[in-house]
Every structure is written in C-alpha cells, then in structure tokens.
Protein backbone atom coordinates (compact mmCIF):
# COMPACT_ATOMS: atom_id res chain seq x y z
CA MET A 1 -5.58 21.87 3.02
CA LEU A 2 -4.11 21.61 -0.44
CA VAL A 3 -0.89 23.31 0.61
CA TYR A 4 -0.30 20.70 3.32
CA LEU A 5 -0.90 17.89 0.85
CA ILE A 6 1.62 19.40 -1.55
CA VAL A 7 4.23 19.63 1.21
CA LEU A 8 3.52 16.02 2.15
CA MET A 9 3.88 14.86 -1.47
CA LEU A 10 7.19 16.70 -1.77
CA LEU A 11 8.41 14.93 1.36
CA VAL A 12 7.36 11.56 -0.03
CA VAL A 13 9.13 11.98 -3.38
CA SER A 14 12.26 13.51 -1.85
CA GLY A 15 14.89 10.80 -1.76
CA MET A 16 12.64 8.29 -3.52
CA GLN A 17 14.41 5.55 -5.47
CA VAL A 18 13.02 3.10 -8.03
CA ALA A 19 14.63 -0.31 -8.45
CA LYS A 20 16.06 -1.21 -11.84
CA LYS A 21 14.54 -3.81 -14.13
CA ASP A 22 14.13 -7.20 -12.42
CA GLN A 23 15.73 -5.84 -9.26
CA PHE A 24 14.09 -5.32 -5.88
CA PHE A 25 14.81 -3.63 -2.57
CA THR A 26 15.38 -6.51 -0.18
CA GLY A 27 15.14 -4.14 2.78
CA TYR A 28 11.53 -3.21 2.05
CA LEU A 29 10.63 -4.23 5.61
CA SER A 30 13.78 -2.94 7.27
CA LYS A 31 13.50 -0.62 10.26
CA GLU A 32 14.74 2.26 8.13
CA GLN A 33 12.06 1.77 5.47
CA THR A 34 9.13 1.05 7.79
CA THR A 35 10.04 4.04 9.96
CA ALA A 36 9.89 6.32 6.92
CA ILE A 37 6.52 4.88 5.83
CA ASN A 38 5.15 5.36 9.34
CA GLY A 39 6.43 8.94 9.17
CA ILE A 40 4.19 9.56 6.17
CA PHE A 41 1.13 8.12 7.84
CA VAL A 42 1.59 9.90 11.16
CA LEU A 43 1.54 13.18 9.22
CA ILE A 44 -1.69 12.08 7.55
CA VAL A 45 -3.08 11.20 10.99
CA PHE A 46 -2.22 14.71 12.16
CA LEU A 47 -4.10 16.27 9.23
CA SER A 48 -7.04 13.96 9.86
CA HIS A 49 -7.31 14.96 13.51
CA ALA A 50 -6.73 18.65 12.77
CA SER A 51 -9.52 18.62 10.17
CA THR A 52 -12.05 17.77 12.90
CA TYR A 53 -11.33 21.11 14.61
CA VAL A 54 -11.60 23.38 11.57
CA GLU A 55 -14.21 23.95 8.89
CA LEU A 56 -13.48 22.44 5.49
CA GLY A 57 -15.40 22.64 2.25
CA GLY A 58 -13.63 25.11 -0.02
CA PRO A 59 -12.27 24.15 -3.46
CA LEU A 60 -8.76 23.87 -2.03
CA ASP A 61 -10.01 21.27 0.43
CA ALA A 62 -11.46 18.91 -2.18
CA ALA A 63 -8.28 16.90 -2.75
CA TYR A 64 -7.71 16.37 0.96
CA SER A 65 -11.37 15.51 1.61
CA THR A 66 -11.17 12.89 -1.15
CA LEU A 67 -8.00 11.40 0.33
CA LYS A 68 -9.45 11.36 3.84
CA GLY A 69 -12.68 9.77 2.65
CA TYR A 70 -10.73 7.12 0.79
CA LEU A 71 -8.17 6.16 3.44
CA ARG A 72 -10.39 6.33 6.52
CA GLN A 73 -8.92 4.06 9.21
CA LEU A 74 -6.20 2.80 6.91
CA ILE A 75 -4.12 5.77 8.02
CA VAL A 76 -3.04 3.47 10.86
CA ALA A 77 -2.65 0.36 8.68
CA SER A 78 1.14 0.55 8.51
CA PHE A 79 1.45 1.02 12.29
CA LEU A 80 -0.40 -2.22 12.97
CA PHE A 81 1.08 -4.28 10.13
CA TYR A 82 4.70 -3.32 10.78
CA SER A 83 4.25 -3.78 14.53
CA GLY A 84 2.93 -7.30 14.00
CA TYR A 85 5.74 -8.07 11.57
CA GLY A 86 8.36 -6.81 14.03
CA MET A 87 6.81 -8.81 16.86
CA LEU A 88 7.15 -12.13 15.06
CA GLU A 89 10.64 -11.28 13.81
CA SER A 90 11.67 -10.74 17.44
CA ILE A 91 10.07 -14.04 18.51
CA LYS A 92 11.90 -15.80 15.66
CA LYS A 93 15.24 -14.52 16.89
CA LYS A 94 14.79 -14.81 20.67
CA GLY A 95 12.10 -17.46 21.15
CA MET A 96 10.47 -17.97 24.54
CA ALA A 97 12.81 -15.50 26.24
CA TYR A 98 11.25 -12.74 24.19
CA VAL A 99 7.70 -14.04 24.67
CA ARG A 100 8.15 -13.99 28.45
CA SER A 101 9.47 -10.43 28.28
CA ILE A 102 6.35 -9.04 26.57
CA PRO A 103 4.31 -8.25 29.74
CA GLY A 104 7.24 -6.82 31.69
CA LYS A 105 8.78 -4.78 28.92
CA ARG A 106 6.69 -4.05 25.83
CA PHE A 107 3.27 -4.01 27.54
CA SER A 108 4.43 -2.22 30.69
CA LYS A 109 6.44 0.38 28.80
CA VAL A 110 3.57 1.38 26.49
CA LEU A 111 1.17 1.35 29.44
CA LEU A 112 3.40 3.66 31.49
CA HIS A 113 3.94 6.06 28.58
CA MET A 114 0.23 6.24 27.89
CA GLU A 115 -0.71 6.76 31.55
CA ILE A 116 1.64 9.75 31.63
CA ALA A 117 0.10 11.07 28.41
CA VAL A 118 -3.43 10.75 29.86
CA ALA A 119 -2.26 12.67 32.93
CA LEU A 120 -1.08 15.46 30.60
CA PHE A 121 -4.52 15.52 28.99
CA LEU A 122 -6.13 15.72 32.42
CA VAL A 123 -3.97 18.72 33.31
CA THR A 124 -4.82 20.34 29.96
CA ASP A 125 -8.54 19.76 30.50
CA LEU A 126 -8.37 21.41 33.91
CA ALA A 127 -6.40 24.34 32.49
CA ILE A 128 -8.92 25.08 29.72
CA GLY A 129 -11.95 24.45 31.92
CA LYS A 130 -13.05 21.21 30.28
CA HIS A 131 -14.64 18.83 32.76
CA PHE A 132 -15.44 15.13 32.56
CA GLY A 133 -17.24 12.96 35.06
CA LEU A 134 -15.30 10.94 37.62
CA LYS A 135 -16.18 7.66 35.92
CA THR A 136 -14.99 8.85 32.51
CA THR A 137 -11.81 10.27 33.99
CA LEU A 138 -10.95 7.06 35.83
CA LEU A 139 -11.79 4.88 32.81
CA SER A 140 -9.59 7.09 30.63
CA PHE A 141 -6.60 5.60 32.44
CA THR A 142 -7.73 2.17 31.21
CA PHE A 143 -8.17 3.72 27.72
CA TRP A 144 -11.77 2.49 27.56
CA GLU A 145 -12.91 6.11 27.67
CA SER A 146 -11.27 9.35 26.54
CA ILE A 147 -10.80 12.77 28.11
CA GLY A 148 -9.66 14.22 24.80
CA ASN A 149 -6.84 11.79 24.07
CA SER A 150 -6.74 9.21 21.30
CA ASN A 151 -7.36 5.96 23.15
CA TRP A 152 -8.61 3.17 20.88
CA TYR A 153 -5.24 2.48 19.22
CA ILE A 154 -3.34 2.15 22.49
CA PHE A 155 -6.11 -0.03 23.93
CA ALA A 156 -5.82 -2.25 20.85
CA ILE A 157 -2.02 -2.47 20.96
CA LEU A 158 -2.00 -3.39 24.65
CA CYS A 159 -4.62 -6.08 24.07
CA LEU A 160 -2.69 -7.39 21.07
CA TYR A 161 0.47 -7.65 23.18
CA LEU A 162 -1.45 -9.76 25.70
CA ILE A 163 -2.95 -11.87 22.92
CA VAL A 164 0.50 -12.55 21.46
CA PHE A 165 1.90 -13.34 24.90
CA PHE A 166 -0.88 -15.83 25.65
CA SER A 167 -0.80 -17.40 22.17
CA PHE A 168 2.93 -18.04 22.09
CA LEU A 169 3.11 -19.02 25.74
CA VAL A 170 0.58 -21.83 25.39
CA CYS A 171 2.19 -23.14 22.18
CA ARG A 172 5.76 -22.82 23.50
CA ALA A 173 6.71 -20.26 20.84
CA ASN A 174 5.68 -22.46 17.92
CA LEU A 175 5.66 -19.86 15.14
CA TYR A 176 2.80 -21.34 13.14
CA ILE A 177 0.43 -22.19 15.98
CA GLY A 178 1.19 -18.94 17.79
CA THR A 179 0.59 -16.79 14.73
CA PHE A 180 -2.69 -18.45 13.77
CA LEU A 181 -3.91 -18.38 17.38
CA THR A 182 -3.07 -14.68 17.52
CA ALA A 183 -5.07 -14.12 14.33
CA ALA A 184 -8.06 -16.05 15.71
CA LEU A 185 -8.02 -14.18 19.03
CA SER A 186 -7.74 -10.86 17.18
CA VAL A 187 -11.00 -11.68 15.42
CA VAL A 188 -12.53 -12.53 18.82
CA TYR A 189 -11.27 -9.19 20.15
CA ALA A 190 -12.96 -7.35 17.26
CA TYR A 191 -16.21 -9.23 17.85
CA ILE A 192 -16.21 -8.42 21.57
CA LEU A 193 -15.75 -4.71 20.91
CA LEU A 194 -18.43 -4.80 18.24
CA ARG A 195 -20.86 -6.38 20.72
CA ALA A 196 -19.77 -3.84 23.36
CA GLY A 197 -21.04 -1.08 21.08
CA LYS A 198 -17.69 0.54 20.37
CA ASP A 199 -17.32 2.62 17.22
CA THR A 200 -16.07 0.69 14.20
CA TRP A 201 -12.62 2.29 14.25
CA TRP A 202 -11.91 0.46 17.51
CA TYR A 203 -11.69 -2.86 15.72
CA ASN A 204 -11.91 -2.61 11.92
CA THR A 205 -8.13 -2.58 11.37
CA VAL A 206 -6.96 -4.86 14.20
CA VAL A 207 -6.50 -7.87 11.88
CA LEU A 208 -3.65 -6.03 10.16
CA TYR A 209 -1.47 -6.84 13.18
CA PRO A 210 -1.61 -10.63 12.71
CA LEU A 211 -1.38 -10.04 8.95
CA GLY A 212 2.05 -8.53 9.54
CA MET A 213 2.96 -11.62 11.54
CA LEU A 214 1.75 -13.86 8.71
CA TRP A 215 3.95 -11.95 6.26
CA SER A 216 6.93 -12.55 8.54
CA LEU A 217 6.02 -16.24 8.79
CA PHE A 218 5.79 -16.81 5.04
CA LYS A 219 8.20 -14.11 3.86
CA PRO A 220 10.68 -16.46 2.13
CA GLN A 221 7.92 -18.16 0.16
CA ILE A 222 6.30 -14.85 -0.78
CA GLU A 223 9.57 -13.32 -1.97
CA LYS A 224 10.43 -16.42 -3.99
CA VAL A 225 7.27 -15.88 -6.05
CA VAL A 226 6.91 -12.10 -6.12
CA MET A 227 10.53 -11.07 -6.45
CA LYS A 228 11.42 -13.52 -9.21
CA ASN A 229 11.31 -10.76 -11.84
CA ASP A 230 9.27 -7.71 -12.80
CA ILE A 231 6.70 -9.79 -14.69
CA ALA A 232 5.98 -11.86 -11.58
CA TRP A 233 5.76 -8.70 -9.48
CA PHE A 234 3.33 -7.01 -11.89
CA LEU A 235 1.20 -10.16 -12.15
CA CYS A 236 0.92 -10.46 -8.36
CA ALA A 237 0.04 -6.79 -7.97
CA GLY A 238 -2.44 -6.96 -10.87
CA VAL A 239 -4.15 -10.05 -9.49
CA LEU A 240 -4.59 -8.37 -6.10
CA LEU A 241 -6.01 -5.18 -7.59
CA VAL A 242 -9.20 -6.95 -8.72
CA PRO A 243 -10.32 -8.19 -5.27
CA TYR A 244 -9.00 -4.96 -3.76
CA TYR A 245 -11.37 -2.89 -5.90
CA PHE A 246 -14.25 -5.27 -5.21
CA CYS A 247 -13.67 -5.08 -1.44
CA PHE A 248 -13.34 -1.30 -1.68
CA LEU A 249 -16.81 -1.08 -3.23
CA ARG A 250 -18.30 -3.29 -0.49
CA ARG A 251 -16.29 -2.00 2.50
CA ASP A 252 -19.33 -0.35 4.11
CA THR A 253 -21.58 -3.40 3.87
CA HIS A 254 -19.83 -5.70 6.33
CA LEU A 255 -16.83 -5.72 8.66
CA ALA A 256 -15.31 -8.68 6.77
CA TRP A 257 -15.18 -6.68 3.54
CA TYR A 258 -13.57 -3.77 5.37
CA ASP A 259 -10.93 -6.07 6.85
CA LEU A 260 -10.21 -7.65 3.46
CA TRP A 261 -9.94 -4.21 1.88
CA GLY A 262 -7.51 -3.08 4.58
CA GLY A 263 -5.43 -6.22 4.28
CA LEU A 264 -5.16 -5.94 0.50
CA PHE A 265 -4.31 -2.25 0.82
CA MET A 266 -1.40 -3.06 3.11
CA ILE A 267 -0.16 -5.95 0.95
CA LEU A 268 -0.18 -3.70 -2.12
CA LEU A 269 1.73 -1.06 -0.18
CA VAL A 270 4.35 -3.64 0.83
CA LEU A 271 4.62 -4.81 -2.79
CA LEU A 272 5.14 -1.19 -3.84
CA THR A 273 8.04 -0.79 -1.41
CA MET A 274 9.73 -3.80 -3.00
CA LYS A 275 10.23 -1.68 -6.12
CA VAL A 276 10.16 1.85 -4.70
CA ARG A 277 12.26 2.92 -1.74
CA ILE A 278 10.77 5.83 0.17
CA GLY A 279 12.60 7.76 2.82
CA ASN A 280 14.61 10.76 3.89
CA ASP A 281 15.83 12.22 7.16
CA ILE A 282 12.63 14.18 7.74
CA LEU A 283 10.28 11.22 7.28
CA SER A 284 12.58 9.06 9.39
CA TRP A 285 12.45 11.63 12.18
CA PHE A 286 8.65 11.69 12.15
CA GLY A 287 8.56 7.92 12.02
CA SER A 288 10.84 7.62 15.03
CA HIS A 289 8.46 9.82 17.06
CA VAL A 290 5.19 8.19 15.93
CA PHE A 291 3.91 7.40 19.42
CA SER A 292 4.39 10.86 20.90
CA ILE A 293 3.17 12.72 17.81
CA TYR A 294 0.11 10.48 17.52
CA ILE A 295 -0.79 10.64 21.21
CA LEU A 296 -0.03 14.28 22.05
CA GLN A 297 -1.23 16.16 18.96
CA ARG A 298 -4.69 16.80 20.34
CA ILE A 299 -3.31 18.77 23.32
CA PRO A 300 -2.30 21.87 21.29
CA MET A 301 -5.43 21.46 19.18
CA MET A 302 -7.58 21.59 22.31
CA VAL A 303 -5.71 24.61 23.67
CA PHE A 304 -5.79 26.59 20.41
CA THR A 305 -9.48 25.79 19.98
CA LYS A 306 -10.12 27.20 23.46
CA LEU A 307 -8.22 30.33 22.41
CA GLY A 308 -10.54 30.75 19.42
CA MET A 309 -7.91 30.01 16.79
CA ALA A 310 -9.84 27.24 15.01
CA ASP A 311 -11.56 29.89 12.91
CA HIS A 312 -8.20 30.66 11.32
CA ARG A 313 -7.44 27.19 10.07
CA TYR A 314 -4.01 27.72 8.52
CA SER A 315 -2.67 29.38 11.65
CA PHE A 316 -4.42 26.77 13.77
CA ILE A 317 -3.00 23.77 11.89
CA THR A 318 0.51 25.21 11.55
CA LEU A 319 0.81 26.24 15.20
CA SER A 320 -0.73 22.96 16.36
CA PHE A 321 1.81 21.08 14.27
CA LEU A 322 4.79 23.03 15.62
CA ALA A 323 3.56 22.74 19.20
CA THR A 324 3.08 18.97 18.71
CA LEU A 325 6.67 18.60 17.57
CA VAL A 326 7.95 20.46 20.65
CA LEU A 327 5.78 18.33 22.93
CA ALA A 328 6.90 15.14 21.18
CA VAL A 329 10.60 15.95 21.63
CA LEU A 330 10.17 16.88 25.30
CA PHE A 331 7.98 13.84 25.95
CA ASP A 332 10.32 11.37 24.27
CA THR A 333 13.42 12.89 25.90
CA ALA A 334 11.90 12.68 29.37
CA LEU A 335 10.55 9.16 28.90
CA SER A 336 13.78 7.82 27.46
CA LYS A 337 15.51 8.86 30.68
CA LEU A 338 12.70 7.35 32.76
CA ASP A 339 12.83 4.11 30.77
CA ALA A 340 16.59 3.89 31.25
CA ARG A 341 16.10 4.03 35.03
CA ILE A 342 13.25 1.52 35.13
CA TRP A 343 14.37 -0.98 32.51
CA LYS A 344 18.11 -1.07 33.05
CA PRO A 345 19.84 -3.65 30.82
CA ARG A 346 20.93 -6.68 32.77
CA THR A 347 24.52 -7.77 32.36
CA LYS A 348 25.80 -11.26 33.09
CA GLY A 349 28.95 -11.28 35.12
CA LYS A 350 31.37 -8.47 35.76
CA VAL A 351 32.64 -6.49 32.81
CA GLU A 352 36.25 -5.42 33.21
CA PRO A 353 37.12 -1.90 32.07
CA GLN A 354 39.12 -1.63 28.87
C-alpha cells in the first residue's frame, strides 16, 4: 500500500501554495478549495474500502495501516463539515425559498441517485451469484440495510437534510435558532441509532455537519481573531492541539470524546487551509465526482473478488480503481441528463431571443 500513499502524497503537494507572512487565503472554504480537499479524502476512502478485500500486514503496509488506524471515520469528516457549511451559506443567501426547496430538490435528488445505485448493486449481486433475503433487499432501498453498497453515509445525509428542513421551517429561517436546533436534533439522531444497535460509524461523525453550519454562522468573528496575523493563527492552532490530543487519547472511551476529537480535527484542518492552499486539476476532478466514486467503488471490488483477483492485491486495487472511475463518469453523465429532465429550471416570463 505504500506506493499508493506515495502517489497520494504527490497529488496533495502538487500545486500546493503557502501564504506569505501575516497573509491568509480568504477562499479557504471556497468551492474550489473544498472540492480539492474532498478529492483527497475520497481517495483515502477508496483505499480504506479496498483494504477490506485484500490481505495486509507486510512491511510496506505499515504506513498505510497506521494512517487508517489513526483517521478511522474521519475520512468522511470533510464531506459532512463542508456540506453543512454549504447548506447554511445557501440558506443565508436565499432564505425560506431555499429551505422550502430542500425536500423537493436536495433530498429527492440524492434519494433518486442512491436508489439507482442500489439497483446497480442488486444487478451486480445477481450476476456474481450473491443472494440476500427479501427483507434485506427491500430495506436496502431505504438504506437501513446493505446489499454490498455503502449505505450509512447516504442515510445520514438524507436524515440531516430533513432535520435542517424541519429546523429552519419552524424557526422561519432564523439562522441562529435553526442552526442550534439542527445541532440538537443531530445529537438526537445519533442517540437513536446508538439505541437501535447500529455500528458506531453510523453516527460518530454526524455532528460534523452542524459544526460546518456553526462555522458559517460565526465565520466573520472567527476570522477576525484567527486571521489577524500569524501569531494569532499559531496561538489558536496551538491552543486547540492540547484538547485535540487529549480527546484523541480518550476517543474509544465514550462517543462524546470521539465527537470532540472529530470536531477538533476538522477545525484544525480548516485552520491549515487558511495558510496552505491545496489543489490541482486531478484532485478537483475527484472532488467533483465524490458521490459516484464513494457509492460505486464496491461494485468492481465485488466483481474482482468473485473472479479471484483479491489475492493479487496490486492488480486488484489498480483495476478496481480504474473501473470505479469509468463507472463514476458513466453514472454522473447519465444522471446529469436525467436531472436536467426532472428538475428543469423555472423561468419567470418569456425570454426573447437575442
């Protein structure tokens, strides 16, 4: 796995820029920057999933095993944080009109895309002779169960969309009440899944979504303190490192410590991007196809495992990666055309030709 880590590191440093003394990148949460960061993490997600199909343990796997053991579920931290941040930024700009559009556009679109993806997994399962019970198969379309697909993240995102919709609807798009109500209901969501007996990864990073919203809410105040000069930036980062390390040591003792550790991890990452700009065309491409790469990557892994290729891990991982990219492009191309037909932009009045 070392070779894949080296390639990933080369991608990360390619095009990297460091801000000059007492200067900061004001676009650290721009779409361009967050897309590139998500591109890094979706590649790490791919390696994490691929590693469950092959045997690791050699000396060249030590570095990756250490990274995987350290990051755990935080490989999806940026997805949740940036999504929450983007949600509140949209509500800021469009108000109740955007809130009312959440069920019919954001929720419905993700739901449709995921239902199609689950259908592809069902076809794949039938093709390779993998059978699930009727109950599991039906529940897989609600994402409560899986037939090979990654389901917990989509289930969480859909629930978070509904939580945001409810929170901001009842408070009439009041940014403060809506954000704090979203945060409270996210904790309730985590507790319900814990009591339902779901694995910890179903809920131990969900609070990062409202954390992204909180950053959006208090962004001017945060930047006024942190981005004053390099000394202020270093002091803020240094102060956060102490509780971060403490929470890291206690992350396995209680869910609250895990959540605090994840939140501090994401805040430190955001602080880093204030001084270091990361991004290039390759990372941006991966980041723009996060959903399809994340959701579909297990299909080629399942097929190549059935063909007995998992014993040859480098061939298995490389071919799975290439096949995932092809699937992602085809999937996104087809769904973009479908979306254009279903969610046609509404125009007010007649537009005269130029």
